[in-house]
Amino acid sequence: MPWKGVKDPYKIWLSEIMLQQTRVEQGMGYYIRFIKAFPTVQKLAQAPENQVFKLWEGLGYYSRCRNLIETAKKVSVEMGGSFPDSREGLLSLKGVGPYTASAIGSFAFGLPLAVLDGNVMRVLSRVFGIREPIDQPSVKKKMEEMASCLLDEKNPAAYNQAIMDFGAVVCKPQQPDCISCSFRKKCFANLHGMQAALPVKSKKIKSKERYVYYLVLEHGEKQLVRKRTGNDIWKGLYEFVWMEKDEPQELDFLQNLSSWGLPSKRIKKQIIDVSEEIMHQLTHQKIRCQFIHIKIDQPVHLEGYTWHTKNAILQFPFPRLLTRYLGW
């Protein structure tokens, strides 16, 4: 991993924000592209937001990108381009929680701060036999204290990296390598055959299903899009005309322009494409999505939306759900 062993707090911070709720394999390419485009926090702070969002496109959880932009500006403008070298200072940055603060603090500044990510929690819960749900605040606090007690304060960076790697390579979620494990004679889970049962997590919230439909409306070489302004996960991103329904809709309804709040009289239309249903899983919701691509012979007006050329639209950041259909 290109961020391993680096001391630059900017690169460590960038990698940690990108890997929040994201697999390493997926985040690797984004990290490399970001470092190439924005080699310093000042470069990131000065970049147009659309450019940053476009580069983030497809990584999901866009609140992370908004936090990234806000923190870059704060560090660049208010802190003279230098990241704070204390836990309290790091926690003051938008999007930086206890784990990220510990990672930056220990790896960049050698601060005696223990990291507690999923790998570390799995190791601790198995070795010490923690049978309470690790996602409960009281249990997590207990594990934070335990991790701090175990920390090698003389070399916190090496210790933190070692225990995270140990969880990723040996004490894996599935089929842990207990035979070669250094703790096999002391590990609670190994001694009691509870590797599959630990760590314990609370029951998952039932996923809500949503039915979302997008109209890709085209006239000449232009398409109708808007930039989201609402305070939601896709704020600042672009989208086509859309609607949400409580249940699946018939094709005749979706192909009727009036269903989308558009005038239909005296407008000639051509159905270009009707997509298959696309499934998109968010944390607690499953979106069932379908795209209707219609070409019309004259422009129409819809409040909040504007016509843009396809080349211009290629430069706009869209939610991953839409880029999957667009093939970007």
C-alpha atoms as a PDB file:
ATOM      1  CA  MET A   1       0.000   0.000   0.000  1.00  0.00           C
ATOM      2  CA  PRO A   2       1.558   3.311  -1.067  1.00  0.00           C
ATOM      3  CA  TRP A   3       0.733   5.080   2.209  1.00  0.00           C
ATOM      4  CA  LYS A   4       2.418   2.477   4.407  1.00  0.00           C
ATOM      5  CA  GLY A   5       5.459   3.740   6.260  1.00  0.00           C
ATOM      6  CA  VAL A   6       5.003   7.373   5.186  1.00  0.00           C
ATOM      7  CA  LYS A   7       5.343  10.145   7.763  1.00  0.00           C
ATOM      8  CA  ASP A   8       3.489  12.843   5.821  1.00  0.00           C
ATOM      9  CA  PRO A   9       0.302  13.619   7.815  1.00  0.00           C
ATOM     10  CA  TYR A  10      -1.457  14.793   4.636  1.00  0.00           C
ATOM     11  CA  LYS A  11      -0.983  11.441   2.891  1.00  0.00           C
ATOM     12  CA  ILE A  12      -1.907   9.486   6.021  1.00  0.00           C
ATOM     13  CA  TRP A  13      -5.033  11.605   6.529  1.00  0.00           C
ATOM     14  CA  LEU A  14      -6.046  11.230   2.879  1.00  0.00           C
ATOM     15  CA  SER A  15      -5.649   7.447   2.937  1.00  0.00           C
ATOM     16  CA  GLU A  16      -7.565   7.084   6.209  1.00  0.00           C
ATOM     17  CA  ILE A  17     -10.502   9.201   5.016  1.00  0.00           C
ATOM     18  CA  MET A  18     -10.666   7.237   1.759  1.00  0.00           C
ATOM     19  CA  LEU A  19     -10.589   3.875   3.528  1.00  0.00           C
ATOM     20  CA  GLN A  20     -13.474   4.694   5.860  1.00  0.00           C
ATOM     21  CA  GLN A  21     -16.157   2.125   4.883  1.00  0.00           C
ATOM     22  CA  THR A  22     -14.156   1.248   1.760  1.00  0.00           C
ATOM     23  CA  ARG A  23     -12.056  -1.798   0.851  1.00  0.00           C
ATOM     24  CA  VAL A  24      -8.322  -1.217   0.382  1.00  0.00           C
ATOM     25  CA  GLU A  25      -8.417  -2.604  -3.176  1.00  0.00           C
ATOM     26  CA  GLN A  26     -11.106  -0.091  -4.126  1.00  0.00           C
ATOM     27  CA  GLY A  27      -9.492   2.890  -2.403  1.00  0.00           C
ATOM     28  CA  MET A  28      -5.949   2.301  -3.717  1.00  0.00           C
ATOM     29  CA  GLY A  29      -6.522   3.731  -7.207  1.00  0.00           C
ATOM     30  CA  TYR A  30      -8.383   6.752  -5.835  1.00  0.00           C
ATOM     31  CA  TYR A  31      -5.551   7.509  -3.428  1.00  0.00           C
ATOM     32  CA  ILE A  32      -2.944   7.393  -6.214  1.00  0.00           C
ATOM     33  CA  ARG A  33      -5.030   9.645  -8.470  1.00  0.00           C
ATOM     34  CA  PHE A  34      -5.653  12.150  -5.654  1.00  0.00           C
ATOM     35  CA  ILE A  35      -1.961  12.365  -4.732  1.00  0.00           C
ATOM     36  CA  LYS A  36      -1.080  12.915  -8.385  1.00  0.00           C
ATOM     37  CA  ALA A  37      -3.713  15.661  -8.784  1.00  0.00           C
ATOM     38  CA  PHE A  38      -3.244  17.211  -5.331  1.00  0.00           C
ATOM     39  CA  PRO A  39       0.276  16.444  -4.014  1.00  0.00           C
ATOM     40  CA  THR A  40      -0.162  18.780  -1.018  1.00  0.00           C
ATOM     41  CA  VAL A  41      -3.004  19.847   1.218  1.00  0.00           C
ATOM     42  CA  GLN A  42      -2.705  23.361  -0.222  1.00  0.00           C
ATOM     43  CA  LYS A  43      -3.295  22.045  -3.756  1.00  0.00           C
ATOM     44  CA  LEU A  44      -6.376  20.180  -2.553  1.00  0.00           C
ATOM     45  CA  ALA A  45      -7.690  23.249  -0.719  1.00  0.00           C
ATOM     46  CA  GLN A  46      -7.302  25.416  -3.824  1.00  0.00           C
ATOM     47  CA  ALA A  47      -8.954  22.961  -6.227  1.00  0.00           C
ATOM     48  CA  PRO A  48     -12.507  23.651  -7.546  1.00  0.00           C
ATOM     49  CA  GLU A  49     -15.009  21.526  -5.623  1.00  0.00           C
ATOM     50  CA  ASN A  50     -16.393  20.018  -8.833  1.00  0.00           C
ATOM     51  CA  GLN A  51     -12.911  18.745  -9.691  1.00  0.00           C
ATOM     52  CA  VAL A  52     -12.519  17.110  -6.274  1.00  0.00           C
ATOM     53  CA  PHE A  53     -15.967  15.517  -6.417  1.00  0.00           C
ATOM     54  CA  LYS A  54     -15.304  14.302  -9.959  1.00  0.00           C
ATOM     55  CA  LEU A  55     -12.107  12.594  -8.845  1.00  0.00           C
ATOM     56  CA  TRP A  56     -13.983  11.074  -5.885  1.00  0.00           C
ATOM     57  CA  GLU A  57     -16.811   9.891  -8.167  1.00  0.00           C
ATOM     58  CA  GLY A  58     -17.665   6.225  -7.602  1.00  0.00           C
ATOM     59  CA  LEU A  59     -16.063   5.961  -4.160  1.00  0.00           C
ATOM     60  CA  GLY A  60     -19.363   6.623  -2.403  1.00  0.00           C
ATOM     61  CA  TYR A  61     -20.180   8.076   1.027  1.00  0.00           C
ATOM     62  CA  TYR A  62     -19.817  11.603  -0.377  1.00  0.00           C
ATOM     63  CA  SER A  63     -19.964  13.250   3.048  1.00  0.00           C
ATOM     64  CA  ARG A  64     -16.347  12.086   3.339  1.00  0.00           C
ATOM     65  CA  CYS A  65     -15.473  14.123   0.266  1.00  0.00           C
ATOM     66  CA  ARG A  66     -17.196  17.216   1.675  1.00  0.00           C
ATOM     67  CA  ASN A  67     -15.287  16.744   4.939  1.00  0.00           C
ATOM     68  CA  LEU A  68     -12.088  16.310   2.943  1.00  0.00           C
ATOM     69  CA  ILE A  69     -12.569  19.649   1.209  1.00  0.00           C
ATOM     70  CA  GLU A  70     -13.505  21.475   4.426  1.00  0.00           C
ATOM     71  CA  THR A  71     -10.550  20.070   6.365  1.00  0.00           C
ATOM     72  CA  ALA A  72      -8.090  20.800   3.547  1.00  0.00           C
ATOM     73  CA  LYS A  73      -9.173  24.440   3.560  1.00  0.00           C
ATOM     74  CA  LYS A  74      -8.949  24.666   7.350  1.00  0.00           C
ATOM     75  CA  VAL A  75      -5.459  23.161   7.475  1.00  0.00           C
ATOM     76  CA  SER A  76      -4.254  25.219   4.515  1.00  0.00           C
ATOM     77  CA  VAL A  77      -5.731  28.574   5.521  1.00  0.00           C
ATOM     78  CA  GLU A  78      -6.148  28.552   9.304  1.00  0.00           C
ATOM     79  CA  MET A  79      -3.228  26.285  10.235  1.00  0.00           C
ATOM     80  CA  GLY A  80      -0.624  27.457   7.740  1.00  0.00           C
ATOM     81  CA  GLY A  81      -0.617  24.174   5.853  1.00  0.00           C
ATOM     82  CA  SER A  82       0.474  22.077   8.850  1.00  0.00           C
ATOM     83  CA  PHE A  83      -1.686  19.373  10.413  1.00  0.00           C
ATOM     84  CA  PRO A  84      -2.060  19.607  14.208  1.00  0.00           C
ATOM     85  CA  ASP A  85       0.314  17.311  16.105  1.00  0.00           C
ATOM     86  CA  SER A  86      -1.957  16.585  19.082  1.00  0.00           C
ATOM     87  CA  ARG A  87      -4.931  14.292  19.506  1.00  0.00           C
ATOM     88  CA  GLU A  88      -7.199  17.209  20.439  1.00  0.00           C
ATOM     89  CA  GLY A  89      -6.062  19.210  17.423  1.00  0.00           C
ATOM     90  CA  LEU A  90      -6.602  16.304  15.048  1.00  0.00           C
ATOM     91  CA  LEU A  91     -10.071  15.630  16.478  1.00  0.00           C
ATOM     92  CA  SER A  92     -10.999  19.246  15.720  1.00  0.00           C
ATOM     93  CA  LEU A  93     -10.767  18.493  11.994  1.00  0.00           C
ATOM     94  CA  LYS A  94     -13.999  17.698  10.144  1.00  0.00           C
ATOM     95  CA  GLY A  95     -14.381  13.973   9.492  1.00  0.00           C
ATOM     96  CA  VAL A  96     -11.559  12.959  11.849  1.00  0.00           C
ATOM     97  CA  GLY A  97     -12.692  10.648  14.642  1.00  0.00           C
ATOM     98  CA  PRO A  98     -10.729   8.815  17.366  1.00  0.00           C
ATOM     99  CA  TYR A  99      -9.390   6.098  15.047  1.00  0.00           C
ATOM    100  CA  THR A 100      -8.233   8.492  12.316  1.00  0.00           C
ATOM    101  CA  ALA A 101      -6.710  10.858  14.901  1.00  0.00           C
ATOM    102  CA  SER A 102      -4.776   7.947  16.427  1.00  0.00           C
ATOM    103  CA  ALA A 103      -3.568   6.772  13.016  1.00  0.00           C
ATOM    104  CA  ILE A 104      -2.321  10.221  11.987  1.00  0.00           C
ATOM    105  CA  GLY A 105      -0.918  10.963  15.435  1.00  0.00           C
ATOM    106  CA  SER A 106       1.036   7.717  15.792  1.00  0.00           C
ATOM    107  CA  PHE A 107       2.203   7.273  12.196  1.00  0.00           C
ATOM    108  CA  ALA A 108       3.064  10.916  11.428  1.00  0.00           C
ATOM    109  CA  PHE A 109       4.083  12.307  14.819  1.00  0.00           C
ATOM    110  CA  GLY A 110       4.935   9.253  16.932  1.00  0.00           C
ATOM    111  CA  LEU A 111       2.252  10.066  19.507  1.00  0.00           C
ATOM    112  CA  PRO A 112       1.385   7.218  21.921  1.00  0.00           C
ATOM    113  CA  LEU A 113      -2.136   6.734  20.529  1.00  0.00           C
ATOM    114  CA  ALA A 114      -3.618   3.271  19.976  1.00  0.00           C
ATOM    115  CA  VAL A 115      -5.646   2.663  16.826  1.00  0.00           C
ATOM    116  CA  LEU A 116      -8.869   0.712  17.052  1.00  0.00           C
ATOM    117  CA  ASP A 117     -10.131  -0.386  13.652  1.00  0.00           C
ATOM    118  CA  GLY A 118     -12.103  -3.493  12.714  1.00  0.00           C
ATOM    119  CA  ASN A 119      -9.003  -5.665  12.559  1.00  0.00           C
ATOM    120  CA  VAL A 120      -7.822  -4.602  16.010  1.00  0.00           C
ATOM    121  CA  MET A 121     -11.267  -5.080  17.579  1.00  0.00           C
ATOM    122  CA  ARG A 122     -11.456  -8.582  16.108  1.00  0.00           C
ATOM    123  CA  VAL A 123      -8.054  -9.513  17.572  1.00  0.00           C
ATOM    124  CA  LEU A 124      -8.905  -8.142  21.015  1.00  0.00           C
ATOM    125  CA  SER A 125     -12.352  -9.719  21.148  1.00  0.00           C
ATOM    126  CA  ARG A 126     -10.994 -13.159  20.235  1.00  0.00           C
ATOM    127  CA  VAL A 127      -7.831 -13.130  22.327  1.00  0.00           C
ATOM    128  CA  PHE A 128      -9.527 -11.750  25.459  1.00  0.00           C
ATOM    129  CA  GLY A 129     -12.974 -13.315  24.940  1.00  0.00           C
ATOM    130  CA  ILE A 130     -15.078 -10.152  24.706  1.00  0.00           C
ATOM    131  CA  ARG A 131     -18.589 -11.482  24.156  1.00  0.00           C
ATOM    132  CA  GLU A 132     -20.548  -8.223  24.205  1.00  0.00           C
ATOM    133  CA  PRO A 133     -21.449  -6.561  20.881  1.00  0.00           C
ATOM    134  CA  ILE A 134     -18.390  -4.532  19.847  1.00  0.00           C
ATOM    135  CA  ASP A 135     -20.546  -1.896  18.116  1.00  0.00           C
ATOM    136  CA  GLN A 136     -22.084  -0.805  21.436  1.00  0.00           C
ATOM    137  CA  PRO A 137     -20.547   2.469  22.697  1.00  0.00           C
ATOM    138  CA  SER A 138     -19.760   1.124  26.174  1.00  0.00           C
ATOM    139  CA  VAL A 139     -17.988  -1.926  24.766  1.00  0.00           C
ATOM    140  CA  LYS A 140     -16.062   0.138  22.246  1.00  0.00           C
ATOM    141  CA  LYS A 141     -14.894   2.456  25.040  1.00  0.00           C
ATOM    142  CA  LYS A 142     -13.744  -0.577  27.005  1.00  0.00           C
ATOM    143  CA  MET A 143     -11.781  -1.793  23.979  1.00  0.00           C
ATOM    144  CA  GLU A 144     -10.224   1.651  23.457  1.00  0.00           C
ATOM    145  CA  GLU A 145      -8.919   1.515  27.038  1.00  0.00           C
ATOM    146  CA  MET A 146      -7.642  -2.023  26.479  1.00  0.00           C
ATOM    147  CA  ALA A 147      -5.886  -1.024  23.258  1.00  0.00           C
ATOM    148  CA  SER A 148      -4.209   1.909  25.033  1.00  0.00           C
ATOM    149  CA  CYS A 149      -2.943  -0.369  27.826  1.00  0.00           C
ATOM    150  CA  LEU A 150      -1.417  -2.778  25.295  1.00  0.00           C
ATOM    151  CA  LEU A 151       0.242  -0.048  23.210  1.00  0.00           C
ATOM    152  CA  ASP A 152       4.025   0.045  22.928  1.00  0.00           C
ATOM    153  CA  GLU A 153       4.438   3.719  23.773  1.00  0.00           C
ATOM    154  CA  LYS A 154       8.081   3.777  22.658  1.00  0.00           C
ATOM    155  CA  ASN A 155       7.152   2.701  19.146  1.00  0.00           C
ATOM    156  CA  PRO A 156       3.405   3.270  18.677  1.00  0.00           C
ATOM    157  CA  ALA A 157       3.528   3.397  14.870  1.00  0.00           C
ATOM    158  CA  ALA A 158       5.153  -0.041  14.530  1.00  0.00           C
ATOM    159  CA  TYR A 159       2.818  -1.544  17.140  1.00  0.00           C
ATOM    160  CA  ASN A 160      -0.322  -0.098  15.559  1.00  0.00           C
ATOM    161  CA  GLN A 161       0.697  -1.247  12.075  1.00  0.00           C
ATOM    162  CA  ALA A 162       1.605  -4.692  13.393  1.00  0.00           C
ATOM    163  CA  ILE A 163      -1.678  -5.379  15.185  1.00  0.00           C
ATOM    164  CA  MET A 164      -3.722  -4.106  12.204  1.00  0.00           C
ATOM    165  CA  ASP A 165      -1.723  -6.308   9.819  1.00  0.00           C
ATOM    166  CA  PHE A 166      -2.022  -9.232  12.215  1.00  0.00           C
ATOM    167  CA  GLY A 167      -5.810  -8.900  12.129  1.00  0.00           C
ATOM    168  CA  ALA A 168      -5.823  -8.629   8.336  1.00  0.00           C
ATOM    169  CA  VAL A 169      -3.464 -11.537   7.632  1.00  0.00           C
ATOM    170  CA  VAL A 170      -3.687 -13.995  10.572  1.00  0.00           C
ATOM    171  CA  CYS A 171      -6.778 -13.248  12.672  1.00  0.00           C
ATOM    172  CA  LYS A 172      -8.967 -12.916   9.587  1.00  0.00           C
ATOM    173  CA  PRO A 173     -12.770 -12.588   9.711  1.00  0.00           C
ATOM    174  CA  GLN A 174     -13.197 -15.969   8.007  1.00  0.00           C
ATOM    175  CA  GLN A 175     -10.896 -18.976   8.493  1.00  0.00           C
ATOM    176  CA  PRO A 176      -8.312 -17.367  10.776  1.00  0.00           C
ATOM    177  CA  ASP A 177      -4.850 -18.954  10.691  1.00  0.00           C
ATOM    178  CA  CYS A 178      -4.941 -20.228  14.263  1.00  0.00           C
ATOM    179  CA  ILE A 179      -2.321 -22.931  13.670  1.00  0.00           C
ATOM    180  CA  SER A 180       0.465 -20.401  13.075  1.00  0.00           C
ATOM    181  CA  CYS A 181      -0.917 -17.787  15.482  1.00  0.00           C
ATOM    182  CA  SER A 182       1.443 -16.639  18.248  1.00  0.00           C
ATOM    183  CA  PHE A 183      -1.488 -16.365  20.681  1.00  0.00           C
ATOM    184  CA  ARG A 184      -3.075 -19.782  20.009  1.00  0.00           C
ATOM    185  CA  LYS A 185      -2.255 -21.119  23.518  1.00  0.00           C
ATOM    186  CA  LYS A 186      -3.709 -18.020  25.219  1.00  0.00           C
ATOM    187  CA  CYS A 187      -6.475 -16.952  22.822  1.00  0.00           C
ATOM    188  CA  PHE A 188      -9.950 -17.359  24.353  1.00  0.00           C
ATOM    189  CA  ALA A 189     -11.605 -17.945  20.985  1.00  0.00           C
ATOM    190  CA  ASN A 190      -9.119 -20.627  19.947  1.00  0.00           C
ATOM    191  CA  LEU A 191      -9.268 -22.431  23.298  1.00  0.00           C
ATOM    192  CA  HIS A 192     -13.081 -22.468  23.257  1.00  0.00           C
ATOM    193  CA  GLY A 193     -13.657 -22.971  19.546  1.00  0.00           C
ATOM    194  CA  MET A 194     -15.377 -19.591  19.223  1.00  0.00           C
ATOM    195  CA  GLN A 195     -13.457 -18.077  16.300  1.00  0.00           C
ATOM    196  CA  ALA A 196     -16.598 -17.863  14.150  1.00  0.00           C
ATOM    197  CA  ALA A 197     -18.683 -16.433  17.021  1.00  0.00           C
ATOM    198  CA  LEU A 198     -16.345 -13.569  17.878  1.00  0.00           C
ATOM    199  CA  PRO A 199     -16.473 -10.663  17.591  1.00  0.00           C
ATOM    200  CA  VAL A 200     -20.157 -10.239  18.409  1.00  0.00           C
ATOM    201  CA  LYS A 201     -22.130  -7.526  16.633  1.00  0.00           C
ATOM    202  CA  SER A 202     -25.615  -6.157  17.267  1.00  0.00           C
ATOM    203  CA  LYS A 203     -28.402  -7.326  14.987  1.00  0.00           C
ATOM    204  CA  LYS A 204     -28.464  -5.481  11.694  1.00  0.00           C
ATOM    205  CA  ILE A 205     -31.190  -2.943  10.999  1.00  0.00           C
ATOM    206  CA  LYS A 206     -33.536  -4.227   8.304  1.00  0.00           C
ATOM    207  CA  SER A 207     -32.693  -2.635   4.973  1.00  0.00           C
ATOM    208  CA  LYS A 208     -35.359  -0.342   3.526  1.00  0.00           C
ATOM    209  CA  GLU A 209     -36.223  -0.715  -0.162  1.00  0.00           C
ATOM    210  CA  ARG A 210     -36.632   2.355  -2.390  1.00  0.00           C
ATOM    211  CA  TYR A 211     -37.810   2.573  -5.995  1.00  0.00           C
ATOM    212  CA  VAL A 212     -36.016   5.372  -7.843  1.00  0.00           C
ATOM    213  CA  TYR A 213     -36.415   6.296 -11.508  1.00  0.00           C
ATOM    214  CA  TYR A 214     -34.249   8.572 -13.654  1.00  0.00           C
ATOM    215  CA  LEU A 215     -35.200  10.259 -16.905  1.00  0.00           C
ATOM    216  CA  VAL A 216     -32.237  10.911 -19.194  1.00  0.00           C
ATOM    217  CA  LEU A 217     -33.887  13.602 -21.319  1.00  0.00           C
ATOM    218  CA  GLU A 218     -32.042  14.582 -24.480  1.00  0.00           C
ATOM    219  CA  HIS A 219     -32.520  17.321 -27.079  1.00  0.00           C
ATOM    220  CA  GLY A 220     -29.957  17.803 -29.812  1.00  0.00           C
ATOM    221  CA  GLU A 221     -26.579  17.329 -28.160  1.00  0.00           C
ATOM    222  CA  LYS A 222     -27.765  18.379 -24.697  1.00  0.00           C
ATOM    223  CA  GLN A 223     -29.247  16.617 -21.667  1.00  0.00           C
ATOM    224  CA  LEU A 224     -31.212  17.934 -18.698  1.00  0.00           C
ATOM    225  CA  VAL A 225     -29.416  17.762 -15.327  1.00  0.00           C
ATOM    226  CA  ARG A 226     -29.254  19.558 -11.999  1.00  0.00           C
ATOM    227  CA  LYS A 227     -26.858  19.915  -9.083  1.00  0.00           C
ATOM    228  CA  ARG A 228     -28.225  18.613  -5.786  1.00  0.00           C
ATOM    229  CA  THR A 229     -28.412  21.279  -3.091  1.00  0.00           C
ATOM    230  CA  GLY A 230     -30.283  19.430  -0.359  1.00  0.00           C
ATOM    231  CA  ASN A 231     -28.444  18.378   2.783  1.00  0.00           C
ATOM    232  CA  ASP A 232     -28.141  14.677   1.985  1.00  0.00           C
ATOM    233  CA  ILE A 233     -25.462  12.148   1.073  1.00  0.00           C
ATOM    234  CA  TRP A 234     -25.402  13.296  -2.578  1.00  0.00           C
ATOM    235  CA  LYS A 235     -25.247  17.036  -1.903  1.00  0.00           C
ATOM    236  CA  GLY A 236     -23.134  18.824  -4.497  1.00  0.00           C
ATOM    237  CA  LEU A 237     -23.418  16.010  -7.058  1.00  0.00           C
ATOM    238  CA  TYR A 238     -25.338  16.070 -10.317  1.00  0.00           C
ATOM    239  CA  GLU A 239     -28.314  14.011 -11.412  1.00  0.00           C
ATOM    240  CA  PHE A 240     -30.885  13.627 -14.179  1.00  0.00           C
ATOM    241  CA  VAL A 241     -34.610  14.233 -13.727  1.00  0.00           C
ATOM    242  CA  TRP A 242     -35.764  11.752 -11.112  1.00  0.00           C
ATOM    243  CA  MET A 243     -38.657  10.559  -9.004  1.00  0.00           C
ATOM    244  CA  GLU A 244     -39.150   8.086  -6.182  1.00  0.00           C
ATOM    245  CA  LYS A 245     -42.152   5.781  -5.746  1.00  0.00           C
ATOM    246  CA  ASP A 246     -43.337   3.392  -3.036  1.00  0.00           C
ATOM    247  CA  GLU A 247     -43.659   0.495  -5.481  1.00  0.00           C
ATOM    248  CA  PRO A 248     -42.466  -0.550  -8.965  1.00  0.00           C
ATOM    249  CA  GLN A 249     -43.906   1.471 -11.867  1.00  0.00           C
ATOM    250  CA  GLU A 250     -45.219   0.286 -15.234  1.00  0.00           C
ATOM    251  CA  LEU A 251     -43.235   1.101 -18.361  1.00  0.00           C
ATOM    252  CA  ASP A 252     -46.112   3.054 -19.953  1.00  0.00           C
ATOM    253  CA  PHE A 253     -46.138   5.398 -16.965  1.00  0.00           C
ATOM    254  CA  LEU A 254     -42.360   5.920 -17.078  1.00  0.00           C
ATOM    255  CA  GLN A 255     -42.343   6.668 -20.806  1.00  0.00           C
ATOM    256  CA  ASN A 256     -45.015   9.370 -20.447  1.00  0.00           C
ATOM    257  CA  LEU A 257     -43.395  12.814 -20.116  1.00  0.00           C
ATOM    258  CA  SER A 258     -46.295  14.123 -18.043  1.00  0.00           C
ATOM    259  CA  SER A 259     -45.436  11.529 -15.360  1.00  0.00           C
ATOM    260  CA  TRP A 260     -42.231  13.514 -14.834  1.00  0.00           C
ATOM    261  CA  GLY A 261     -43.971  16.885 -14.605  1.00  0.00           C
ATOM    262  CA  LEU A 262     -43.083  17.751 -18.197  1.00  0.00           C
ATOM    263  CA  PRO A 263     -45.348  18.956 -21.017  1.00  0.00           C
ATOM    264  CA  SER A 264     -46.218  16.143 -23.416  1.00  0.00           C
ATOM    265  CA  LYS A 265     -48.473  17.819 -26.018  1.00  0.00           C
ATOM    266  CA  ARG A 266     -46.920  18.740 -29.369  1.00  0.00           C
ATOM    267  CA  ILE A 267     -43.595  17.194 -28.341  1.00  0.00           C
ATOM    268  CA  LYS A 268     -42.305  14.334 -30.428  1.00  0.00           C
ATOM    269  CA  LYS A 269     -40.286  11.788 -28.486  1.00  0.00           C
ATOM    270  CA  GLN A 270     -38.084   8.826 -29.241  1.00  0.00           C
ATOM    271  CA  ILE A 271     -37.378   6.112 -26.663  1.00  0.00           C
ATOM    272  CA  ILE A 272     -33.634   5.531 -26.834  1.00  0.00           C
ATOM    273  CA  ASP A 273     -33.211   3.079 -23.960  1.00  0.00           C
ATOM    274  CA  VAL A 274     -34.978   1.553 -20.979  1.00  0.00           C
ATOM    275  CA  SER A 275     -32.478   0.014 -18.583  1.00  0.00           C
ATOM    276  CA  GLU A 276     -32.799  -3.159 -16.613  1.00  0.00           C
ATOM    277  CA  GLU A 277     -33.351  -2.644 -12.899  1.00  0.00           C
ATOM    278  CA  ILE A 278     -30.097  -1.644 -11.196  1.00  0.00           C
ATOM    279  CA  MET A 279     -29.628  -2.568  -7.524  1.00  0.00           C
ATOM    280  CA  HIS A 280     -27.617  -0.201  -5.320  1.00  0.00           C
ATOM    281  CA  GLN A 281     -26.964  -1.093  -1.679  1.00  0.00           C
ATOM    282  CA  LEU A 282     -26.420   1.656   0.885  1.00  0.00           C
ATOM    283  CA  THR A 283     -25.844   1.111   4.589  1.00  0.00           C
ATOM    284  CA  HIS A 284     -29.500   0.747   5.578  1.00  0.00           C
ATOM    285  CA  GLN A 285     -31.297   0.978   2.245  1.00  0.00           C
ATOM    286  CA  LYS A 286     -31.507  -0.893  -0.995  1.00  0.00           C
ATOM    287  CA  ILE A 287     -32.251   1.241  -4.040  1.00  0.00           C
ATOM    288  CA  ARG A 288     -33.977  -0.381  -7.001  1.00  0.00           C
ATOM    289  CA  CYS A 289     -33.278   1.948  -9.866  1.00  0.00           C
ATOM    290  CA  GLN A 290     -34.269   2.209 -13.530  1.00  0.00           C
ATOM    291  CA  PHE A 291     -33.243   4.657 -16.261  1.00  0.00           C
ATOM    292  CA  ILE A 292     -35.461   5.880 -19.111  1.00  0.00           C
ATOM    293  CA  HIS A 293     -33.574   7.573 -21.956  1.00  0.00           C
ATOM    294  CA  ILE A 294     -35.855   9.703 -24.155  1.00  0.00           C
ATOM    295  CA  LYS A 295     -34.974  12.063 -26.993  1.00  0.00           C
ATOM    296  CA  ILE A 296     -37.333  14.985 -27.712  1.00  0.00           C
ATOM    297  CA  ASP A 297     -37.624  17.367 -30.679  1.00  0.00           C
ATOM    298  CA  GLN A 298     -37.736  20.612 -28.671  1.00  0.00           C
ATOM    299  CA  PRO A 299     -36.329  21.831 -25.346  1.00  0.00           C
ATOM    300  CA  VAL A 300     -38.523  21.935 -22.244  1.00  0.00           C
ATOM    301  CA  HIS A 301     -38.176  23.784 -18.954  1.00  0.00           C
ATOM    302  CA  LEU A 302     -38.151  22.098 -15.565  1.00  0.00           C
ATOM    303  CA  GLU A 303     -37.429  24.150 -12.454  1.00  0.00           C
ATOM    304  CA  GLY A 304     -33.964  23.553 -11.026  1.00  0.00           C
ATOM    305  CA  TYR A 305     -32.689  21.724 -14.092  1.00  0.00           C
ATOM    306  CA  THR A 306     -30.555  23.083 -16.942  1.00  0.00           C
ATOM    307  CA  TRP A 307     -29.486  21.800 -20.352  1.00  0.00           C
ATOM    308  CA  HIS A 308     -25.823  20.900 -20.807  1.00  0.00           C
ATOM    309  CA  THR A 309     -23.827  19.311 -23.594  1.00  0.00           C
ATOM    310  CA  LYS A 310     -22.763  15.704 -23.143  1.00  0.00           C
ATOM    311  CA  ASN A 311     -19.107  16.801 -23.102  1.00  0.00           C
ATOM    312  CA  ALA A 312     -19.831  19.222 -20.263  1.00  0.00           C
ATOM    313  CA  ILE A 313     -21.749  16.548 -18.341  1.00  0.00           C
ATOM    314  CA  LEU A 314     -18.706  14.268 -18.532  1.00  0.00           C
ATOM    315  CA  GLN A 315     -16.921  16.759 -16.263  1.00  0.00           C
ATOM    316  CA  PHE A 316     -19.691  16.801 -13.626  1.00  0.00           C
ATOM    317  CA  PRO A 317     -19.508  14.529 -10.565  1.00  0.00           C
ATOM    318  CA  PHE A 318     -22.407  12.048 -10.354  1.00  0.00           C
ATOM    319  CA  PRO A 319     -23.355   9.532  -7.640  1.00  0.00           C
ATOM    320  CA  ARG A 320     -21.956   6.061  -8.222  1.00  0.00           C
ATOM    321  CA  LEU A 321     -25.462   4.778  -8.901  1.00  0.00           C
ATOM    322  CA  LEU A 322     -25.661   6.964 -12.012  1.00  0.00           C
ATOM    323  CA  THR A 323     -22.113   6.347 -13.201  1.00  0.00           C
ATOM    324  CA  ARG A 324     -22.846   2.611 -13.251  1.00  0.00           C
ATOM    325  CA  TYR A 325     -25.571   3.239 -15.815  1.00  0.00           C
ATOM    326  CA  LEU A 326     -23.517   5.790 -17.735  1.00  0.00           C
ATOM    327  CA  GLY A 327     -20.589   3.390 -17.909  1.00  0.00           C
ATOM    328  CA  TRP A 328     -18.008   5.871 -16.567  1.00  0.00           C
END
